[in-house]
Amino acid sequence: MNTPNAMQAMRRPIRDYAARHFRFTASEDGRVATVALNRPERKNPLTFDSYVELRDLFRELANGSDVRAIVLTGAGGNFSSGGDVFEIIEPLTRMAMPDLIAFTRMTGDVVKAMRKCPQPIIAAVDGICAGAGAILAMASDLRLATPEAKTAFLFTRVGLAGADMGACGILPRIIGQGRAAELLYTGRTMSAAEGSVWGFYNGLHPSADLEREAGRARPLARRRSLVRAWHDQDDAQPGMGDGARRAHRIGSPGAGHLHGHPGLPARLRGLRSQAQTGLRGGLMNVVSRAAQMKRDWLDWPFFGEVPSRLCRRARSFRRFGRGLGGRS
């Protein structure tokens, strides 16, 4: 009977997570979790506490044993209006520089935790999506919206840098450098139609259908099992060391669960072996060329003489340099 290894022991179910500063729910099988910013009376603003809890939750999801996909949304017909004016913006105006830097790092850590989160994140955006709310949508893997969605990276309009929370690094990769520069420089609102045409939104759906369309997280959760099976292969072979597991995976085609998975096309199953063959051939080419260069060098008739000449020349240059250094 196999006993759980150390990595298995670190995993724990997330479906029963009790959120304090937003609403967290999970499907019956625990595969799809929904994170809903839940302050609809103020258009779901973020606070210091919700930043911290979002950061910690997305970090913890890396060790989740059940959740395979996440839907990020807002309650009451709006996604998020960004940082709360009274609970974040006003206190920031009274903070010293070390505290401002700590806050900036904390908000950046939320984005980093989302990007490192192994589960795909789908943002379901309706209504207002501004400031830090727009950043949360940007940091998601897929973004769905309603035609009423209004997205604004309005940092420059409130005296902040447009580079906040990784916007200048991630946004150009999604919609292009010129369009991102326009939104970040001006802070203007991007309509849902613009967002769809520019590629920020993967699709537009009526508000009544948005939650159902976000249900595409379920097939994503199933497909993620392909990747999970690849990693779980280590857990299925507790007697192997890391090197042996790696050799087992790379050495024999189809040895891993991933290559034998019925949902993976046969064309992709052979992709790794083709890549290995090409890599092996390329390495052998490099080795043989290096060996030939070495033989040519050794066969050179002045092999013994040239290095000694170079050494003498180097010593003379060093003496010359010391002489220059000693002059006043």
Foldseek 3Di string as FASTA:
>chain_A
DDDFDPLLVLADACQPPDDDQWDWHADPQRAEIETEQEDQVQLREDAPVNLQVLLVVLQNLQRYPGYAAYEQAYPDFFGYAYHDCVRPVVVVVVDDPVVVVVVLVSNLSSLVSLLPRNHAYEYEGGAEQEASSLVVLLSGPAYEYAQRYKYWNQQVVSPHALCGNNQQPRVCVQQHNVVSCVRSVHRHIDGPVNCCVSRSHVYHDHPVCSVVVVVVSVVVSVVVVLVVQQVCVCRVCVVDDPVVVVCQPLVDQPSTPNLVPPVDDVVVSCVSVVVVVVVVVVVVVVVVVVVVVVVVLVPPPCNVPVVVVVVVVVVVVVVVVVVVVPDD
